[in-house]
Amino acid sequence: MGERIAYVRVSTIEQNEARQVEELKKHNIQKWFIEKISGKNTDRPEFQKLLGEILQKMLEYIREGDTVYVHDLSRLSRSTSDLLKLVEFFAQKKVDLVSNKENIDSSTPTGKLMLTMIAAINEFERQNLLERQREGIAIAKKEGKYKGHSVKKIDSALFDKIYAEYKDRKISKAEMARRLKISRPTLYKLFADKSLP
C-alpha cells in the first residue's frame, strides 16, 4: 500500500497555503510537500525544475502505489505542456493523481480515461517531434554532420544495489546519479529503458 502525498503550491511568498491544506486534509495525507513560488519560472526550464525544488523533491520521493493529491491541477503547473509531462511521469511510475477541484482521480475508470486522453495528446506531440528529429538526423547523416551519442556502460550489479536503496527511499535519484557517476538525464534514460518506477 502506497503513501498519500499532498503537493501544495502558492504563487507568491505573500499568499497563504492554509486553504489548500484544509481542503486536502480530508484525504488523510501522510506526507506534505508545500511550495511557495511563481507558476512561471523561465530561468529554469528543465522538466525536473519547472516549478521549484519542493516539486522536484516530491517527484524524487514518490514510488509505485503512492497517490499524489492536489487542490487543483494548476497547482502542479500553469502550462498545459508541463502538466502533460507530469501526468505522463506519474503514469510511468504507477502513481495515482487526485485533483479536488477537477474531481479527477486516476485510480477510477473516469479519472484514468481523462488522464489517458491528456497523455495521448502528449504522445501525439512527442511522436511528431521525434519524426522531425529523425528527418533532421537523416539530413545531417547525409551531409556527414551527425556524430551521435555514446552511453556510458554501467555495472548492472552496482546499479541493482543502488536502485534497491532508491526503492527503499534511502537515497534520491540525484544521489543515484552521483554514485553511478552519470548525469541525471542519463539516469532518467536508464529508468525509461529498463521501465523502472
Foldseek 3Di string as FASTA:
>chain_A
DAFEEEEFEDAAPPDDRVVFCVVCVVVVHDYYQYYYHHQCDVVDVDLLCNTHDSSNVVLQQDAAPYEYEGQALVRVHVDLLSSLVVLVSCVLRNYWYAHNPVRATCVDPVNVVVNVVSNVVNVVVVVVVVVVVVVVQVVCVVVPNDDDDDADDFDVVVLVVVVVCSNVVNDTLVVSCVVRVHDSVSSVVVCVVVSHD
